[in-house]
Amino acid sequence: MVAGSAGPVSHRRADTRRNHERILITAAESLACTGEVSFNAIAKKAGVGVGTVYRHFPTPEALILAVYQREVRHLVDVVPRLLEKHAPEQAFRTWTTDHLAHYMMTKRGLANALRVATASQGELPASAYEAMVGAVATLLEANVEAGTVRDDLEPETVLRGLGGLLYLDPNGDWRRQTANLADLLWRGMRADDGR
């Protein structure tokens, strides 16, 4: 009897997790494109009821902070997988073009929303910046080991250079612009004489 009752509970938990993730993904897309969070629009696009959005995130501020934390966590967690799958140089480029660029566009949309959210919810987690620096440091260390970048690079400086991704237009040719910025930075980071 207990085993039979665990099935539906487990299924509901899986549905809850899927709904939670769909809501966060949809909210991140909305923030990247419009800088706004509409529970009705997010519910519709995520394929859930608006009540489901409110159950997961009782306020827009709670949703905004959850999107921000999810994006940072993803950026950090994906680095080891990229380094397992790609050579260090390609891992850096893939992280920049496929992951960091999306985060930066979302962050630009999040900026005003985060100011409002933190005014009512308290400070942003201070560890977010350190986590980002750590992700860049991991990518740089792998590239130093591979002999592809100089060993005197500071992760903070590289992250500042990547800050130009904040100016990407999500409705424009952002993939090409991201690749161009990655190429520019790479030329300055290379272990050889840069030619």
Protein backbone atom coordinates (compact mmCIF):
# COMPACT_ATOMS: atom_id res chain seq x y z
CA MET A 1 0.00 0.00 0.00
CA VAL A 2 2.82 2.40 0.88
CA ALA A 3 4.65 1.61 -2.35
CA GLY A 4 1.51 2.33 -4.39
CA SER A 5 0.96 5.67 -2.68
CA ALA A 6 4.55 6.77 -3.31
CA GLY A 7 4.02 6.71 -7.09
CA PRO A 8 1.48 9.55 -7.33
CA VAL A 9 3.39 11.65 -4.78
CA SER A 10 6.63 11.16 -6.70
CA HIS A 11 4.83 12.04 -9.95
CA ARG A 12 3.45 15.26 -8.40
CA ARG A 13 6.93 16.22 -7.18
CA ALA A 14 8.35 15.68 -10.65
CA ASP A 15 5.56 17.81 -12.14
CA THR A 16 6.22 20.50 -9.54
CA ARG A 17 9.94 20.55 -10.38
CA ARG A 18 9.22 20.70 -14.12
CA ASN A 19 6.73 23.55 -13.64
CA HIS A 20 9.19 25.41 -11.43
CA GLU A 21 11.93 25.13 -14.06
CA ARG A 22 9.61 26.08 -16.96
CA ILE A 23 8.48 29.17 -15.06
CA LEU A 24 12.09 30.24 -14.41
CA ILE A 25 13.14 29.67 -18.04
CA THR A 26 10.14 31.63 -19.33
CA ALA A 27 10.72 34.46 -16.85
CA ALA A 28 14.40 34.66 -17.85
CA GLU A 29 13.41 34.94 -21.53
CA SER A 30 10.87 37.63 -20.70
CA LEU A 31 13.40 39.62 -18.69
CA ALA A 32 15.99 39.33 -21.47
CA CYS A 33 13.57 40.60 -24.12
CA THR A 34 11.37 43.10 -22.27
CA GLY A 35 12.86 43.57 -18.80
CA GLU A 36 9.41 42.86 -17.39
CA VAL A 37 7.73 40.08 -15.46
CA SER A 38 4.03 39.45 -16.11
CA PHE A 39 2.70 36.45 -14.21
CA ASN A 40 -0.14 36.03 -16.72
CA ALA A 41 2.20 36.10 -19.74
CA ILE A 42 4.72 33.79 -18.06
CA ALA A 43 1.98 31.31 -17.08
CA LYS A 44 0.64 31.24 -20.63
CA LYS A 45 4.04 30.78 -22.27
CA ALA A 46 5.16 28.19 -19.68
CA GLY A 47 1.95 26.23 -20.17
CA VAL A 48 0.84 26.46 -16.54
CA GLY A 49 -1.93 28.24 -14.71
CA VAL A 50 -1.24 31.65 -13.19
CA GLY A 51 -2.04 30.13 -9.78
CA THR A 52 0.88 27.74 -10.29
CA VAL A 53 3.21 30.68 -10.87
CA TYR A 54 1.97 32.32 -7.64
CA ARG A 55 2.38 29.06 -5.70
CA HIS A 56 6.02 28.85 -6.73
CA PHE A 57 6.75 32.58 -6.52
CA PRO A 58 4.34 34.57 -4.35
CA THR A 59 5.69 37.93 -5.56
CA PRO A 60 7.39 39.28 -8.70
CA GLU A 61 10.42 40.06 -6.54
CA ALA A 62 10.70 36.42 -5.45
CA LEU A 63 10.56 35.32 -9.10
CA ILE A 64 13.16 37.88 -10.19
CA LEU A 65 15.60 36.82 -7.47
CA ALA A 66 15.04 33.14 -8.31
CA VAL A 67 15.79 33.83 -12.01
CA TYR A 68 18.98 35.66 -11.08
CA GLN A 69 20.14 32.88 -8.74
CA ARG A 70 19.31 30.20 -11.32
CA GLU A 71 21.27 31.99 -14.04
CA VAL A 72 24.37 32.40 -11.86
CA ARG A 73 24.20 28.80 -10.62
CA HIS A 74 23.91 27.56 -14.21
CA LEU A 75 26.93 29.58 -15.33
CA VAL A 76 29.07 28.09 -12.60
CA ASP A 77 27.77 24.52 -12.81
CA VAL A 78 28.19 24.23 -16.59
CA VAL A 79 31.95 24.95 -16.59
CA PRO A 80 33.17 21.47 -15.52
CA ARG A 81 30.86 19.82 -18.06
CA LEU A 82 32.17 22.07 -20.84
CA LEU A 83 35.77 21.27 -19.90
CA GLU A 84 34.99 17.54 -19.99
CA LYS A 85 33.36 17.83 -23.41
CA HIS A 86 35.64 20.36 -25.16
CA ALA A 87 39.25 21.43 -25.36
CA PRO A 88 39.88 24.36 -22.96
CA GLU A 89 39.81 27.05 -25.66
CA GLN A 90 36.51 25.76 -27.06
CA ALA A 91 35.10 25.42 -23.52
CA PHE A 92 35.86 29.13 -22.91
CA ARG A 93 34.29 30.16 -26.21
CA THR A 94 31.22 27.96 -25.71
CA TRP A 95 30.76 29.26 -22.17
CA THR A 96 31.00 32.83 -23.46
CA THR A 97 28.76 32.50 -26.52
CA ASP A 98 26.21 29.92 -25.40
CA HIS A 99 25.93 30.66 -21.69
CA LEU A 100 27.39 33.98 -20.54
CA ALA A 101 25.85 35.99 -23.40
CA HIS A 102 22.38 34.74 -22.48
CA TYR A 103 22.99 35.57 -18.82
CA MET A 104 24.21 39.07 -19.67
CA MET A 105 21.14 39.80 -21.79
CA THR A 106 18.94 38.51 -18.97
CA LYS A 107 20.90 40.53 -16.43
CA ARG A 108 20.40 43.72 -18.41
CA GLY A 109 16.66 43.11 -18.29
CA LEU A 110 16.99 42.11 -14.66
CA ALA A 111 18.89 45.24 -13.60
CA ASN A 112 15.93 47.48 -12.81
CA ALA A 113 13.86 44.56 -11.60
CA LEU A 114 16.68 43.49 -9.28
CA ARG A 115 16.93 47.00 -7.82
CA VAL A 116 13.23 46.87 -6.96
CA ALA A 117 13.44 43.28 -5.73
CA THR A 118 16.44 43.87 -3.49
CA ALA A 119 14.83 46.98 -2.02
CA SER A 120 12.04 44.80 -0.66
CA GLN A 121 13.84 41.44 -0.24
CA GLY A 122 17.26 42.56 1.01
CA GLU A 123 20.70 42.28 -0.58
CA LEU A 124 21.59 40.11 -3.54
CA PRO A 125 23.72 37.15 -2.56
CA ALA A 126 27.25 38.56 -2.33
CA SER A 127 28.59 35.24 -3.52
CA ALA A 128 27.23 35.71 -7.08
CA TYR A 129 30.18 37.83 -8.22
CA GLU A 130 32.70 35.52 -6.53
CA ALA A 131 31.03 32.52 -8.18
CA MET A 132 31.37 34.17 -11.60
CA VAL A 133 35.03 34.99 -10.96
CA GLY A 134 35.52 31.37 -9.89
CA ALA A 135 33.97 30.09 -13.13
CA VAL A 136 36.29 32.30 -15.19
CA ALA A 137 39.27 31.24 -13.05
CA THR A 138 38.50 27.56 -13.71
CA LEU A 139 38.35 28.18 -17.47
CA LEU A 140 41.59 30.19 -17.39
CA GLU A 141 43.42 27.55 -15.34
CA ALA A 142 42.48 24.87 -17.86
CA ASN A 143 43.69 27.07 -20.71
CA VAL A 144 46.96 27.95 -18.92
CA GLU A 145 47.55 24.20 -18.44
CA ALA A 146 46.85 23.65 -22.15
CA GLY A 147 49.27 26.46 -23.04
CA THR A 148 46.60 28.46 -24.89
CA VAL A 149 46.52 31.59 -22.67
CA ARG A 150 49.05 33.59 -20.70
CA ASP A 151 49.55 32.61 -17.07
CA ASP A 152 49.40 36.20 -15.76
CA LEU A 153 45.68 36.76 -16.51
CA GLU A 154 43.44 37.80 -13.65
CA PRO A 155 39.92 36.31 -13.76
CA GLU A 156 38.41 39.60 -12.61
CA THR A 157 39.98 41.44 -15.56
CA VAL A 158 38.72 38.85 -18.05
CA LEU A 159 35.24 39.05 -16.50
CA ARG A 160 35.31 42.85 -16.83
CA GLY A 161 36.24 42.45 -20.49
CA LEU A 162 33.29 40.13 -20.96
CA GLY A 163 31.09 42.80 -19.38
CA GLY A 164 30.67 44.23 -22.88
CA LEU A 165 28.12 41.45 -23.40
CA LEU A 166 25.71 43.56 -21.33
CA TYR A 167 25.21 45.70 -24.44
CA LEU A 168 23.95 42.87 -26.63
CA ASP A 169 20.57 43.31 -28.24
CA PRO A 170 18.58 40.09 -27.74
CA ASN A 171 16.60 40.98 -30.87
CA GLY A 172 19.72 41.60 -32.96
CA ASP A 173 22.61 39.49 -34.23
CA TRP A 174 23.90 38.83 -30.70
CA ARG A 175 25.56 35.50 -31.54
CA ARG A 176 27.90 37.11 -34.09
CA GLN A 177 28.59 40.05 -31.77
CA THR A 178 29.39 37.65 -28.92
CA ALA A 179 31.76 35.64 -31.10
CA ASN A 180 33.49 38.88 -32.18
CA LEU A 181 33.98 39.95 -28.56
CA ALA A 182 35.27 36.49 -27.61
CA ASP A 183 37.75 36.67 -30.52
CA LEU A 184 38.93 40.11 -29.47
CA LEU A 185 39.48 39.02 -25.87
CA TRP A 186 41.12 35.78 -26.94
CA ARG A 187 43.72 37.65 -29.00
CA GLY A 188 44.67 39.61 -25.87
CA MET A 189 44.74 36.47 -23.71
CA ARG A 190 46.70 34.15 -25.99
CA ALA A 191 49.92 32.59 -24.75
CA ASP A 192 51.81 33.43 -27.97
CA ASP A 193 52.72 36.94 -29.12
CA GLY A 194 49.11 37.60 -30.22
CA ARG A 195 49.73 37.56 -33.97
